[in-house]
Amino acid sequence: MKKSKNTKVQSFLEDMMILDLERFEMLLTMREIVFEIHPKVREKMMYGGIMFSLEEDFGGLFVNKKHISFEFSNGFQFKDPKKLLEGGGKFRRHLKIRGLEDIKGKEVEFFVKQVL
């Protein structure tokens, strides 16, 4: 596990490892994708989840009862040929990740690469 520089994020991840190993593994996998594509990304706890930022916040991971939501602040601008993004708000779009297989199936990496 890539240790977070942010103590609140690290504590959240450690708690998730104890409380729900499957969701913990999903969080780790998606964090790894974010850091591989954007090595200079910063993370912080906000709104009950892990927020990612470069020059500004671009999205985050939020744990729900049945899934993890990967929220993209300006997801309305993303290319989405398979219509995988959900949400009808003015800007934000999200992916509902229900298992490790969804990370590839819902093309998390494709969308993270679109973050500027």
C-alpha atoms as a PDB file:
ATOM      1  CA  MET A   1       0.000   0.000   0.000  1.00  0.00           C
ATOM      2  CA  LYS A   2       1.305   3.431  -0.964  1.00  0.00           C
ATOM      3  CA  LYS A   3       1.311   5.294   2.310  1.00  0.00           C
ATOM      4  CA  SER A   4      -0.492   8.602   2.129  1.00  0.00           C
ATOM      5  CA  LYS A   5       1.359  11.794   3.048  1.00  0.00           C
ATOM      6  CA  ASN A   6      -1.925  12.967   4.545  1.00  0.00           C
ATOM      7  CA  THR A   7      -2.415  11.464   8.018  1.00  0.00           C
ATOM      8  CA  LYS A   8      -6.229  11.622   7.809  1.00  0.00           C
ATOM      9  CA  VAL A   9      -6.238   9.740   4.495  1.00  0.00           C
ATOM     10  CA  GLN A  10      -3.830   7.149   5.906  1.00  0.00           C
ATOM     11  CA  SER A  11      -6.019   6.668   8.969  1.00  0.00           C
ATOM     12  CA  PHE A  12      -9.117   6.285   6.759  1.00  0.00           C
ATOM     13  CA  LEU A  13      -7.368   3.616   4.663  1.00  0.00           C
ATOM     14  CA  GLU A  14      -6.206   1.724   7.743  1.00  0.00           C
ATOM     15  CA  ASP A  15      -9.754   1.786   9.145  1.00  0.00           C
ATOM     16  CA  MET A  16     -11.135   0.494   5.844  1.00  0.00           C
ATOM     17  CA  MET A  17      -8.610  -2.351   5.861  1.00  0.00           C
ATOM     18  CA  ILE A  18     -10.036  -3.495   9.195  1.00  0.00           C
ATOM     19  CA  LEU A  19     -13.724  -2.811   8.472  1.00  0.00           C
ATOM     20  CA  ASP A  20     -14.124  -3.997   4.875  1.00  0.00           C
ATOM     21  CA  LEU A  21     -11.214  -5.712   3.135  1.00  0.00           C
ATOM     22  CA  GLU A  22     -12.958  -5.839  -0.273  1.00  0.00           C
ATOM     23  CA  ARG A  23     -13.655  -2.117  -0.365  1.00  0.00           C
ATOM     24  CA  PHE A  24     -10.161  -1.450   0.986  1.00  0.00           C
ATOM     25  CA  GLU A  25      -8.688  -3.358  -1.980  1.00  0.00           C
ATOM     26  CA  MET A  26     -10.910  -1.401  -4.373  1.00  0.00           C
ATOM     27  CA  LEU A  27      -9.756   1.909  -2.833  1.00  0.00           C
ATOM     28  CA  LEU A  28      -6.101   0.885  -3.057  1.00  0.00           C
ATOM     29  CA  THR A  29      -6.414  -0.194  -6.669  1.00  0.00           C
ATOM     30  CA  MET A  30      -8.068   3.054  -7.732  1.00  0.00           C
ATOM     31  CA  ARG A  31      -5.579   5.169  -5.734  1.00  0.00           C
ATOM     32  CA  GLU A  32      -2.743   3.344  -7.492  1.00  0.00           C
ATOM     33  CA  ILE A  33      -4.280   4.175 -10.877  1.00  0.00           C
ATOM     34  CA  VAL A  34      -4.560   7.850  -9.914  1.00  0.00           C
ATOM     35  CA  PHE A  35      -0.947   8.027  -8.687  1.00  0.00           C
ATOM     36  CA  GLU A  36       0.413   6.136 -11.717  1.00  0.00           C
ATOM     37  CA  ILE A  37      -1.260   8.542 -14.147  1.00  0.00           C
ATOM     38  CA  HIS A  38      -0.781  11.704 -12.070  1.00  0.00           C
ATOM     39  CA  PRO A  39       2.300  11.184  -9.841  1.00  0.00           C
ATOM     40  CA  LYS A  40       2.088  14.708  -8.400  1.00  0.00           C
ATOM     41  CA  VAL A  41      -1.505  14.333  -7.219  1.00  0.00           C
ATOM     42  CA  ARG A  42      -2.344  15.401  -3.683  1.00  0.00           C
ATOM     43  CA  GLU A  43      -5.036  13.790  -1.574  1.00  0.00           C
ATOM     44  CA  LYS A  44      -7.034  14.889   1.443  1.00  0.00           C
ATOM     45  CA  MET A  45     -10.121  13.855   3.357  1.00  0.00           C
ATOM     46  CA  MET A  46     -13.150  15.918   2.405  1.00  0.00           C
ATOM     47  CA  TYR A  47     -16.904  15.252   2.360  1.00  0.00           C
ATOM     48  CA  GLY A  48     -16.241  11.870   3.992  1.00  0.00           C
ATOM     49  CA  GLY A  49     -14.025  10.583   1.190  1.00  0.00           C
ATOM     50  CA  ILE A  50     -10.607  10.910  -0.386  1.00  0.00           C
ATOM     51  CA  MET A  51     -10.370  13.988  -2.615  1.00  0.00           C
ATOM     52  CA  PHE A  52      -7.664  14.236  -5.282  1.00  0.00           C
ATOM     53  CA  SER A  53      -6.195  17.455  -6.610  1.00  0.00           C
ATOM     54  CA  LEU A  54      -3.537  18.710  -8.969  1.00  0.00           C
ATOM     55  CA  GLU A  55      -3.909  22.463  -9.298  1.00  0.00           C
ATOM     56  CA  GLU A  56      -7.498  22.110  -8.051  1.00  0.00           C
ATOM     57  CA  ASP A  57      -9.739  19.285  -6.835  1.00  0.00           C
ATOM     58  CA  PHE A  58     -10.644  16.967  -9.691  1.00  0.00           C
ATOM     59  CA  GLY A  59     -12.468  14.136  -8.001  1.00  0.00           C
ATOM     60  CA  GLY A  60     -12.583  11.650  -5.216  1.00  0.00           C
ATOM     61  CA  LEU A  61     -13.433   8.237  -3.850  1.00  0.00           C
ATOM     62  CA  PHE A  62     -16.455   7.884  -1.572  1.00  0.00           C
ATOM     63  CA  VAL A  63     -17.448   4.669   0.176  1.00  0.00           C
ATOM     64  CA  ASN A  64     -21.159   3.839   0.239  1.00  0.00           C
ATOM     65  CA  LYS A  65     -22.986   0.779   1.600  1.00  0.00           C
ATOM     66  CA  LYS A  66     -23.114  -1.060  -1.723  1.00  0.00           C
ATOM     67  CA  HIS A  67     -20.377   0.570  -3.800  1.00  0.00           C
ATOM     68  CA  ILE A  68     -17.532   3.054  -4.024  1.00  0.00           C
ATOM     69  CA  SER A  69     -18.304   6.136  -6.030  1.00  0.00           C
ATOM     70  CA  PHE A  70     -15.468   7.638  -8.063  1.00  0.00           C
ATOM     71  CA  GLU A  71     -16.609  11.233  -8.514  1.00  0.00           C
ATOM     72  CA  PHE A  72     -15.173  13.499 -11.213  1.00  0.00           C
ATOM     73  CA  SER A  73     -15.670  17.215 -10.588  1.00  0.00           C
ATOM     74  CA  ASN A  74     -15.813  18.123 -14.293  1.00  0.00           C
ATOM     75  CA  GLY A  75     -16.902  14.749 -15.616  1.00  0.00           C
ATOM     76  CA  PHE A  76     -19.412  16.411 -17.946  1.00  0.00           C
ATOM     77  CA  GLN A  77     -16.423  17.289 -20.170  1.00  0.00           C
ATOM     78  CA  PHE A  78     -15.120  13.722 -20.430  1.00  0.00           C
ATOM     79  CA  LYS A  79     -15.366  11.558 -23.490  1.00  0.00           C
ATOM     80  CA  ASP A  80     -17.663   8.675 -22.572  1.00  0.00           C
ATOM     81  CA  PRO A  81     -18.405   6.640 -25.712  1.00  0.00           C
ATOM     82  CA  LYS A  82     -19.771   3.671 -23.723  1.00  0.00           C
ATOM     83  CA  LYS A  83     -21.963   5.881 -21.479  1.00  0.00           C
ATOM     84  CA  LEU A  84     -20.378   4.540 -18.292  1.00  0.00           C
ATOM     85  CA  LEU A  85     -20.483   7.785 -16.305  1.00  0.00           C
ATOM     86  CA  GLU A  86     -23.562   8.412 -14.188  1.00  0.00           C
ATOM     87  CA  GLY A  87     -25.101  11.630 -12.945  1.00  0.00           C
ATOM     88  CA  GLY A  88     -27.074  14.411 -14.518  1.00  0.00           C
ATOM     89  CA  GLY A  89     -25.820  17.419 -12.613  1.00  0.00           C
ATOM     90  CA  LYS A  90     -24.324  20.455 -14.258  1.00  0.00           C
ATOM     91  CA  PHE A  91     -20.664  19.346 -13.888  1.00  0.00           C
ATOM     92  CA  ARG A  92     -20.058  16.254 -11.769  1.00  0.00           C
ATOM     93  CA  ARG A  93     -20.189  12.669 -13.064  1.00  0.00           C
ATOM     94  CA  HIS A  94     -19.371   9.432 -11.274  1.00  0.00           C
ATOM     95  CA  LEU A  95     -18.710   5.731 -11.626  1.00  0.00           C
ATOM     96  CA  LYS A  96     -20.265   3.257  -9.194  1.00  0.00           C
ATOM     97  CA  ILE A  97     -17.664   0.589  -8.469  1.00  0.00           C
ATOM     98  CA  ARG A  98     -19.240  -2.482  -6.866  1.00  0.00           C
ATOM     99  CA  GLY A  99     -16.290  -4.866  -7.095  1.00  0.00           C
ATOM    100  CA  LEU A 100     -12.691  -5.140  -8.270  1.00  0.00           C
ATOM    101  CA  GLU A 101     -13.873  -6.246 -11.722  1.00  0.00           C
ATOM    102  CA  ASP A 102     -15.733  -2.938 -12.162  1.00  0.00           C
ATOM    103  CA  ILE A 103     -12.461  -0.999 -11.995  1.00  0.00           C
ATOM    104  CA  LYS A 104     -11.480  -2.422 -15.368  1.00  0.00           C
ATOM    105  CA  GLY A 105     -15.019  -2.930 -16.678  1.00  0.00           C
ATOM    106  CA  LYS A 106     -16.018   0.676 -16.035  1.00  0.00           C
ATOM    107  CA  GLU A 107     -12.677   1.905 -17.397  1.00  0.00           C
ATOM    108  CA  VAL A 108     -11.517   3.892 -14.363  1.00  0.00           C
ATOM    109  CA  GLU A 109      -8.078   4.390 -15.955  1.00  0.00           C
ATOM    110  CA  PHE A 110      -9.633   5.843 -19.151  1.00  0.00           C
ATOM    111  CA  PHE A 111     -11.463   8.502 -17.129  1.00  0.00           C
ATOM    112  CA  VAL A 112      -8.549   9.320 -14.797  1.00  0.00           C
ATOM    113  CA  LYS A 113      -6.406   9.968 -17.875  1.00  0.00           C
ATOM    114  CA  GLN A 114      -8.892  12.671 -18.928  1.00  0.00           C
ATOM    115  CA  VAL A 115      -8.307  14.702 -15.776  1.00  0.00           C
ATOM    116  CA  LEU A 116      -6.306  17.819 -16.615  1.00  0.00           C
END
